[in-house]
Amino acid sequence: MPSTRPFVDPVTGELNTALILSEAVPLAKLIGVFVAGSLVPYTIVFFGSESSVLGALLALIGDFILAVGAGIVLLYVVARGIQLSSE
C-alpha cells in the first residue's frame, strides 16, 4: 500500500496550503513564546547592566530560555511529524 504524502492533495497532487498554514501557525506561536521570554532578560542587559555580573547572569538566563525553547520546539516537530505520518 503506497503511503500518502502529508501536505499534498492526493487528488490533484498540489500542496494543501490550508493544512500547511494550520500546522505552521501553532509552531510559530510556540517559537514566539520562547523568543518573547528571552527578550526580557536581554532587554534588561542591553539597556541597564551590560558590563556587570548581573548582566552576565541575565544573558545566561536568556540563552538558557532559548536553548530550552529550541529543545521543546524540536520535540513538538518530531511528535507532530509522527502523528501526521500515521494519519
PDB file of N, CA and C in Angstrom:
ATOM      1  N   MET A   1       0.843  -1.169   0.000  1.00  0.00           N
ATOM      2  CA  MET A   1       0.000   0.000   0.000  1.00  0.00           C
ATOM      3  C   MET A   1       0.891   1.235   0.000  1.00  0.00           C
ATOM      4  N   PRO A   2       0.777   2.097  -1.007  1.00  0.00           N
ATOM      5  CA  PRO A   2       1.610   3.306  -1.062  1.00  0.00           C
ATOM      6  C   PRO A   2       1.176   4.309  -0.004  1.00  0.00           C
ATOM      7  N   SER A   3       2.157   4.916   0.606  1.00  0.00           N
ATOM      8  CA  SER A   3       1.840   5.899   1.648  1.00  0.00           C
ATOM      9  C   SER A   3       1.521   7.243   1.002  1.00  0.00           C
ATOM     10  N   THR A   4       0.623   7.980   1.624  1.00  0.00           N
ATOM     11  CA  THR A   4       0.285   9.308   1.129  1.00  0.00           C
ATOM     12  C   THR A   4       1.242  10.315   1.737  1.00  0.00           C
ATOM     13  N   ARG A   5       1.570  11.313   0.968  1.00  0.00           N
ATOM     14  CA  ARG A   5       2.481  12.343   1.446  1.00  0.00           C
ATOM     15  C   ARG A   5       1.696  13.406   2.191  1.00  0.00           C
ATOM     16  N   PRO A   6       2.156  13.810   3.382  1.00  0.00           N
ATOM     17  CA  PRO A   6       1.450  14.876   4.084  1.00  0.00           C
ATOM     18  C   PRO A   6       1.601  16.202   3.346  1.00  0.00           C
ATOM     19  N   PHE A   7       0.604  17.050   3.478  1.00  0.00           N
ATOM     20  CA  PHE A   7       0.568  18.386   2.876  1.00  0.00           C
ATOM     21  C   PHE A   7       0.385  18.365   1.368  1.00  0.00           C
ATOM     22  N   VAL A   8       0.107  17.218   0.779  1.00  0.00           N
ATOM     23  CA  VAL A   8      -0.133  17.129  -0.656  1.00  0.00           C
ATOM     24  C   VAL A   8      -1.535  16.577  -0.859  1.00  0.00           C
ATOM     25  N   ASP A   9      -2.321  17.262  -1.678  1.00  0.00           N
ATOM     26  CA  ASP A   9      -3.670  16.801  -2.001  1.00  0.00           C
ATOM     27  C   ASP A   9      -3.555  15.564  -2.886  1.00  0.00           C
ATOM     28  N   PRO A  10      -4.105  14.423  -2.441  1.00  0.00           N
ATOM     29  CA  PRO A  10      -3.920  13.199  -3.224  1.00  0.00           C
ATOM     30  C   PRO A  10      -4.630  13.227  -4.570  1.00  0.00           C
ATOM     31  N   VAL A  11      -5.668  14.045  -4.694  1.00  0.00           N
ATOM     32  CA  VAL A  11      -6.415  14.084  -5.954  1.00  0.00           C
ATOM     33  C   VAL A  11      -5.673  14.882  -7.018  1.00  0.00           C
ATOM     34  N   THR A  12      -5.265  16.099  -6.654  1.00  0.00           N
ATOM     35  CA  THR A  12      -4.640  16.986  -7.645  1.00  0.00           C
ATOM     36  C   THR A  12      -3.124  16.922  -7.640  1.00  0.00           C
ATOM     37  N   GLY A  13      -2.516  16.491  -6.539  1.00  0.00           N
ATOM     38  CA  GLY A  13      -1.064  16.452  -6.437  1.00  0.00           C
ATOM     39  C   GLY A  13      -0.450  17.793  -6.076  1.00  0.00           C
ATOM     40  N   GLU A  14      -1.288  18.779  -5.738  1.00  0.00           N
ATOM     41  CA  GLU A  14      -0.786  20.102  -5.365  1.00  0.00           C
ATOM     42  C   GLU A  14      -0.651  20.202  -3.850  1.00  0.00           C
ATOM     43  N   LEU A  15       0.107  21.207  -3.424  1.00  0.00           N
ATOM     44  CA  LEU A  15       0.271  21.435  -1.996  1.00  0.00           C
ATOM     45  C   LEU A  15      -1.027  21.934  -1.386  1.00  0.00           C
ATOM     46  N   ASN A  16      -1.342  21.417  -0.220  1.00  0.00           N
ATOM     47  CA  ASN A  16      -2.530  21.833   0.515  1.00  0.00           C
ATOM     48  C   ASN A  16      -2.116  22.981   1.435  1.00  0.00           C
ATOM     49  N   THR A  17      -2.242  24.209   0.967  1.00  0.00           N
ATOM     50  CA  THR A  17      -1.752  25.367   1.723  1.00  0.00           C
ATOM     51  C   THR A  17      -2.533  25.592   3.006  1.00  0.00           C
ATOM     52  N   ALA A  18      -3.796  25.220   3.029  1.00  0.00           N
ATOM     53  CA  ALA A  18      -4.577  25.380   4.256  1.00  0.00           C
ATOM     54  C   ALA A  18      -4.023  24.482   5.362  1.00  0.00           C
ATOM     55  N   LEU A  19      -3.657  23.272   5.023  1.00  0.00           N
ATOM     56  CA  LEU A  19      -3.072  22.356   6.006  1.00  0.00           C
ATOM     57  C   LEU A  19      -1.685  22.821   6.439  1.00  0.00           C
ATOM     58  N   ILE A  20      -0.919  23.340   5.504  1.00  0.00           N
ATOM     59  CA  ILE A  20       0.411  23.856   5.843  1.00  0.00           C
ATOM     60  C   ILE A  20       0.291  25.012   6.822  1.00  0.00           C
ATOM     61  N   LEU A  21      -0.625  25.932   6.566  1.00  0.00           N
ATOM     62  CA  LEU A  21      -0.822  27.061   7.481  1.00  0.00           C
ATOM     63  C   LEU A  21      -1.372  26.615   8.824  1.00  0.00           C
ATOM     64  N   SER A  22      -2.246  25.619   8.825  1.00  0.00           N
ATOM     65  CA  SER A  22      -2.781  25.143  10.100  1.00  0.00           C
ATOM     66  C   SER A  22      -1.710  24.468  10.955  1.00  0.00           C
ATOM     67  N   GLU A  23      -0.660  23.979  10.340  1.00  0.00           N
ATOM     68  CA  GLU A  23       0.461  23.410  11.093  1.00  0.00           C
ATOM     69  C   GLU A  23       1.510  24.460  11.434  1.00  0.00           C
ATOM     70  N   ALA A  24       1.669  25.470  10.596  1.00  0.00           N
ATOM     71  CA  ALA A  24       2.712  26.474  10.808  1.00  0.00           C
ATOM     72  C   ALA A  24       2.348  27.483  11.888  1.00  0.00           C
ATOM     73  N   VAL A  25       1.077  27.818  12.020  1.00  0.00           N
ATOM     74  CA  VAL A  25       0.667  28.842  12.996  1.00  0.00           C
ATOM     75  C   VAL A  25       0.941  28.407  14.437  1.00  0.00           C
ATOM     76  N   PRO A  26       0.552  27.196  14.874  1.00  0.00           N
ATOM     77  CA  PRO A  26       0.899  26.809  16.252  1.00  0.00           C
ATOM     78  C   PRO A  26       2.406  26.716  16.488  1.00  0.00           C
ATOM     79  N   LEU A  27       3.137  26.301  15.469  1.00  0.00           N
ATOM     80  CA  LEU A  27       4.590  26.227  15.601  1.00  0.00           C
ATOM     81  C   LEU A  27       5.188  27.620  15.762  1.00  0.00           C
ATOM     82  N   ALA A  28       4.697  28.570  14.986  1.00  0.00           N
ATOM     83  CA  ALA A  28       5.182  29.950  15.103  1.00  0.00           C
ATOM     84  C   ALA A  28       4.823  30.548  16.463  1.00  0.00           C
ATOM     85  N   LYS A  29       3.655  30.225  16.981  1.00  0.00           N
ATOM     86  CA  LYS A  29       3.270  30.715  18.312  1.00  0.00           C
ATOM     87  C   LYS A  29       4.169  30.129  19.391  1.00  0.00           C
ATOM     88  N   LEU A  30       4.501  28.853  19.264  1.00  0.00           N
ATOM     89  CA  LEU A  30       5.380  28.215  20.240  1.00  0.00           C
ATOM     90  C   LEU A  30       6.770  28.843  20.207  1.00  0.00           C
ATOM     91  N   ILE A  31       7.281  29.099  19.033  1.00  0.00           N
ATOM     92  CA  ILE A  31       8.576  29.761  18.910  1.00  0.00           C
ATOM     93  C   ILE A  31       8.502  31.169  19.484  1.00  0.00           C
ATOM     94  N   GLY A  32       7.415  31.879  19.200  1.00  0.00           N
ATOM     95  CA  GLY A  32       7.241  33.240  19.690  1.00  0.00           C
ATOM     96  C   GLY A  32       7.213  33.338  21.200  1.00  0.00           C
ATOM     97  N   VAL A  33       6.658  32.338  21.861  1.00  0.00           N
ATOM     98  CA  VAL A  33       6.627  32.336  23.328  1.00  0.00           C
ATOM     99  C   VAL A  33       8.039  32.341  23.891  1.00  0.00           C
ATOM    100  N   PHE A  34       8.900  31.515  23.350  1.00  0.00           N
ATOM    101  CA  PHE A  34      10.258  31.433  23.883  1.00  0.00           C
ATOM    102  C   PHE A  34      11.108  32.637  23.482  1.00  0.00           C
ATOM    103  N   VAL A  35      10.881  33.171  22.307  1.00  0.00           N
ATOM    104  CA  VAL A  35      11.616  34.377  21.911  1.00  0.00           C
ATOM    105  C   VAL A  35      11.201  35.549  22.787  1.00  0.00           C
ATOM    106  N   ALA A  36       9.902  35.688  23.024  1.00  0.00           N
ATOM    107  CA  ALA A  36       9.419  36.773  23.888  1.00  0.00           C
ATOM    108  C   ALA A  36       9.932  36.604  25.319  1.00  0.00           C
ATOM    109  N   GLY A  37       9.982  35.380  25.784  1.00  0.00           N
ATOM    110  CA  GLY A  37      10.505  35.133  27.127  1.00  0.00           C
ATOM    111  C   GLY A  37      11.979  35.458  27.257  1.00  0.00           C
ATOM    112  N   SER A  38      12.733  35.255  26.204  1.00  0.00           N
ATOM    113  CA  SER A  38      14.164  35.558  26.265  1.00  0.00           C
ATOM    114  C   SER A  38      14.444  37.040  26.046  1.00  0.00           C
ATOM    115  N   LEU A  39      13.515  37.757  25.445  1.00  0.00           N
ATOM    116  CA  LEU A  39      13.731  39.184  25.222  1.00  0.00           C
ATOM    117  C   LEU A  39      13.742  39.982  26.515  1.00  0.00           C
ATOM    118  N   VAL A  40      13.049  39.503  27.527  1.00  0.00           N
ATOM    119  CA  VAL A  40      13.005  40.229  28.803  1.00  0.00           C
ATOM    120  C   VAL A  40      14.398  40.354  29.417  1.00  0.00           C
ATOM    121  N   PRO A  41      15.118  39.251  29.652  1.00  0.00           N
ATOM    122  CA  PRO A  41      16.461  39.433  30.218  1.00  0.00           C
ATOM    123  C   PRO A  41      17.430  40.128  29.267  1.00  0.00           C
ATOM    124  N   TYR A  42      17.305  39.882  27.958  1.00  0.00           N
ATOM    125  CA  TYR A  42      18.200  40.542  27.014  1.00  0.00           C
ATOM    126  C   TYR A  42      17.968  42.049  26.996  1.00  0.00           C
ATOM    127  N   THR A  43      16.730  42.478  27.121  1.00  0.00           N
ATOM    128  CA  THR A  43      16.433  43.909  27.143  1.00  0.00           C
ATOM    129  C   THR A  43      17.010  44.563  28.391  1.00  0.00           C
ATOM    130  N   ILE A  44      16.899  43.888  29.516  1.00  0.00           N
ATOM    131  CA  ILE A  44      17.474  44.434  30.750  1.00  0.00           C
ATOM    132  C   ILE A  44      18.988  44.553  30.620  1.00  0.00           C
ATOM    133  N   VAL A  45      19.611  43.569  30.022  1.00  0.00           N
ATOM    134  CA  VAL A  45      21.065  43.613  29.823  1.00  0.00           C
ATOM    135  C   VAL A  45      21.429  44.727  28.866  1.00  0.00           C
ATOM    136  N   PHE A  46      20.685  44.858  27.786  1.00  0.00           N
ATOM    137  CA  PHE A  46      21.018  45.846  26.762  1.00  0.00           C
ATOM    138  C   PHE A  46      20.869  47.271  27.277  1.00  0.00           C
ATOM    139  N   PHE A  47      19.819  47.532  28.030  1.00  0.00           N
ATOM    140  CA  PHE A  47      19.560  48.894  28.469  1.00  0.00           C
ATOM    141  C   PHE A  47      20.077  49.219  29.861  1.00  0.00           C
ATOM    142  N   GLY A  48      20.482  48.216  30.632  1.00  0.00           N
ATOM    143  CA  GLY A  48      20.838  48.522  32.005  1.00  0.00           C
ATOM    144  C   GLY A  48      22.220  48.115  32.443  1.00  0.00           C
ATOM    145  N   SER A  49      22.493  46.864  32.403  1.00  0.00           N
ATOM    146  CA  SER A  49      23.709  46.377  33.056  1.00  0.00           C
ATOM    147  C   SER A  49      24.506  45.479  32.128  1.00  0.00           C
ATOM    148  N   GLU A  50      25.055  46.084  31.066  1.00  0.00           N
ATOM    149  CA  GLU A  50      25.755  45.241  30.101  1.00  0.00           C
ATOM    150  C   GLU A  50      27.130  44.769  30.566  1.00  0.00           C
ATOM    151  N   SER A  51      27.777  45.473  31.472  1.00  0.00           N
ATOM    152  CA  SER A  51      29.123  45.061  31.876  1.00  0.00           C
ATOM    153  C   SER A  51      29.193  44.805  33.377  1.00  0.00           C
ATOM    154  N   SER A  52      28.239  44.059  33.894  1.00  0.00           N
ATOM    155  CA  SER A  52      28.264  43.705  35.306  1.00  0.00           C
ATOM    156  C   SER A  52      27.994  42.209  35.451  1.00  0.00           C
ATOM    157  N   VAL A  53      28.109  41.741  36.654  1.00  0.00           N
ATOM    158  CA  VAL A  53      27.840  40.328  36.926  1.00  0.00           C
ATOM    159  C   VAL A  53      26.361  40.035  36.691  1.00  0.00           C
ATOM    160  N   LEU A  54      25.496  40.959  37.073  1.00  0.00           N
ATOM    161  CA  LEU A  54      24.066  40.778  36.848  1.00  0.00           C
ATOM    162  C   LEU A  54      23.761  40.696  35.350  1.00  0.00           C
ATOM    163  N   GLY A  55      24.435  41.513  34.548  1.00  0.00           N
ATOM    164  CA  GLY A  55      24.249  41.464  33.109  1.00  0.00           C
ATOM    165  C   GLY A  55      24.658  40.134  32.516  1.00  0.00           C
ATOM    166  N   ALA A  56      25.773  39.604  32.994  1.00  0.00           N
ATOM    167  CA  ALA A  56      26.221  38.300  32.511  1.00  0.00           C
ATOM    168  C   ALA A  56      25.248  37.196  32.923  1.00  0.00           C
ATOM    169  N   LEU A  57      24.740  37.280  34.130  1.00  0.00           N
ATOM    170  CA  LEU A  57      23.773  36.287  34.602  1.00  0.00           C
ATOM    171  C   LEU A  57      22.471  36.368  33.806  1.00  0.00           C
ATOM    172  N   LEU A  58      22.004  37.576  33.538  1.00  0.00           N
ATOM    173  CA  LEU A  58      20.780  37.726  32.756  1.00  0.00           C
ATOM    174  C   LEU A  58      20.973  37.254  31.317  1.00  0.00           C
ATOM    175  N   ALA A  59      22.147  37.483  30.754  1.00  0.00           N
ATOM    176  CA  ALA A  59      22.424  36.980  29.402  1.00  0.00           C
ATOM    177  C   ALA A  59      22.423  35.451  29.382  1.00  0.00           C
ATOM    178  N   LEU A  60      22.959  34.839  30.419  1.00  0.00           N
ATOM    179  CA  LEU A  60      22.934  33.378  30.508  1.00  0.00           C
ATOM    180  C   LEU A  60      21.503  32.866  30.666  1.00  0.00           C
ATOM    181  N   ILE A  61      20.690  33.582  31.410  1.00  0.00           N
ATOM    182  CA  ILE A  61      19.283  33.184  31.562  1.00  0.00           C
ATOM    183  C   ILE A  61      18.566  33.262  30.217  1.00  0.00           C
ATOM    184  N   GLY A  62      18.825  34.329  29.458  1.00  0.00           N
ATOM    185  CA  GLY A  62      18.234  34.441  28.127  1.00  0.00           C
ATOM    186  C   GLY A  62      18.672  33.322  27.211  1.00  0.00           C
ATOM    187  N   ASP A  63      19.948  32.968  27.264  1.00  0.00           N
ATOM    188  CA  ASP A  63      20.453  31.854  26.457  1.00  0.00           C
ATOM    189  C   ASP A  63      19.801  30.536  26.876  1.00  0.00           C
ATOM    190  N   PHE A  64      19.626  30.351  28.179  1.00  0.00           N
ATOM    191  CA  PHE A  64      19.001  29.130  28.683  1.00  0.00           C
ATOM    192  C   PHE A  64      17.557  29.017  28.202  1.00  0.00           C
ATOM    193  N   ILE A  65      16.831  30.120  28.238  1.00  0.00           N
ATOM    194  CA  ILE A  65      15.445  30.109  27.766  1.00  0.00           C
ATOM    195  C   ILE A  65      15.391  29.719  26.290  1.00  0.00           C
ATOM    196  N   LEU A  66      16.291  30.277  25.495  1.00  0.00           N
ATOM    197  CA  LEU A  66      16.319  29.933  24.068  1.00  0.00           C
ATOM    198  C   LEU A  66      16.721  28.480  23.835  1.00  0.00           C
ATOM    199  N   ALA A  67      17.645  27.974  24.617  1.00  0.00           N
ATOM    200  CA  ALA A  67      18.079  26.581  24.454  1.00  0.00           C
ATOM    201  C   ALA A  67      16.959  25.610  24.814  1.00  0.00           C
ATOM    202  N   VAL A  68      16.282  25.876  25.928  1.00  0.00           N
ATOM    203  CA  VAL A  68      15.160  25.020  26.323  1.00  0.00           C
ATOM    204  C   VAL A  68      14.043  25.128  25.299  1.00  0.00           C
ATOM    205  N   GLY A  69      13.790  26.329  24.817  1.00  0.00           N
ATOM    206  CA  GLY A  69      12.758  26.527  23.799  1.00  0.00           C
ATOM    207  C   GLY A  69      13.063  25.781  22.521  1.00  0.00           C
ATOM    208  N   ALA A  70      14.316  25.794  22.102  1.00  0.00           N
ATOM    209  CA  ALA A  70      14.693  25.063  20.891  1.00  0.00           C
ATOM    210  C   ALA A  70      14.462  23.566  21.065  1.00  0.00           C
ATOM    211  N   GLY A  71      14.779  23.058  22.233  1.00  0.00           N
ATOM    212  CA  GLY A  71      14.544  21.637  22.501  1.00  0.00           C
ATOM    213  C   GLY A  71      13.070  21.286  22.483  1.00  0.00           C
ATOM    214  N   ILE A  72      12.253  22.129  23.086  1.00  0.00           N
ATOM    215  CA  ILE A  72      10.810  21.870  23.125  1.00  0.00           C
ATOM    216  C   ILE A  72      10.210  21.971  21.726  1.00  0.00           C
ATOM    217  N   VAL A  73      10.661  22.942  20.951  1.00  0.00           N
ATOM    218  CA  VAL A  73      10.165  23.072  19.572  1.00  0.00           C
ATOM    219  C   VAL A  73      10.558  21.852  18.744  1.00  0.00           C
ATOM    220  N   LEU A  74      11.770  21.367  18.893  1.00  0.00           N
ATOM    221  CA  LEU A  74      12.186  20.171  18.151  1.00  0.00           C
ATOM    222  C   LEU A  74      11.377  18.942  18.563  1.00  0.00           C
ATOM    223  N   LEU A  75      11.115  18.801  19.860  1.00  0.00           N
ATOM    224  CA  LEU A  75      10.283  17.688  20.309  1.00  0.00           C
ATOM    225  C   LEU A  75       8.870  17.790  19.747  1.00  0.00           C
ATOM    226  N   TYR A  76       8.330  19.005  19.694  1.00  0.00           N
ATOM    227  CA  TYR A  76       6.996  19.211  19.130  1.00  0.00           C
ATOM    228  C   TYR A  76       6.966  18.837  17.650  1.00  0.00           C
ATOM    229  N   VAL A  77       7.986  19.243  16.920  1.00  0.00           N
ATOM    230  CA  VAL A  77       8.026  18.959  15.483  1.00  0.00           C
ATOM    231  C   VAL A  77       8.119  17.456  15.233  1.00  0.00           C
ATOM    232  N   VAL A  78       8.939  16.771  15.994  1.00  0.00           N
ATOM    233  CA  VAL A  78       9.080  15.321  15.816  1.00  0.00           C
ATOM    234  C   VAL A  78       7.778  14.612  16.182  1.00  0.00           C
ATOM    235  N   ALA A  79       7.182  14.997  17.311  1.00  0.00           N
ATOM    236  CA  ALA A  79       5.939  14.358  17.730  1.00  0.00           C
ATOM    237  C   ALA A  79       4.815  14.621  16.733  1.00  0.00           C
ATOM    238  N   ARG A  80       4.730  15.845  16.233  1.00  0.00           N
ATOM    239  CA  ARG A  80       3.685  16.176  15.268  1.00  0.00           C
ATOM    240  C   ARG A  80       3.935  15.459  13.939  1.00  0.00           C
ATOM    241  N   GLY A  81       5.188  15.302  13.555  1.00  0.00           N
ATOM    242  CA  GLY A  81       5.509  14.567  12.341  1.00  0.00           C
ATOM    243  C   GLY A  81       5.100  13.106  12.436  1.00  0.00           C
ATOM    244  N   ILE A  82       5.310  12.520  13.606  1.00  0.00           N
ATOM    245  CA  ILE A  82       4.890  11.127  13.806  1.00  0.00           C
ATOM    246  C   ILE A  82       3.373  11.016  13.730  1.00  0.00           C
ATOM    247  N   GLN A  83       2.666  11.990  14.330  1.00  0.00           N
ATOM    248  CA  GLN A  83       1.207  11.979  14.254  1.00  0.00           C
ATOM    249  C   GLN A  83       0.724  12.115  12.810  1.00  0.00           C
ATOM    250  N   LEU A  84       1.341  13.021  12.062  1.00  0.00           N
ATOM    251  CA  LEU A  84       0.909  13.216  10.679  1.00  0.00           C
ATOM    252  C   LEU A  84       1.201  11.999   9.796  1.00  0.00           C
ATOM    253  N   SER A  85       2.284  11.307  10.083  1.00  0.00           N
ATOM    254  CA  SER A  85       2.619  10.146   9.256  1.00  0.00           C
ATOM    255  C   SER A  85       1.677   8.980   9.504  1.00  0.00           C
ATOM    256  N   SER A  86       1.070   8.942  10.687  1.00  0.00           N
ATOM    257  CA  SER A  86       0.158   7.844  10.979  1.00  0.00           C
ATOM    258  C   SER A  86      -1.274   8.134  10.509  1.00  0.00           C
ATOM    259  N   GLU A  87      -1.564   9.367  10.112  1.00  0.00           N
ATOM    260  CA  GLU A  87      -2.912   9.707   9.646  1.00  0.00           C
ATOM    261  C   GLU A  87      -3.125   9.326   8.219  1.00  0.00           C
TER     262      GLU A  87
END
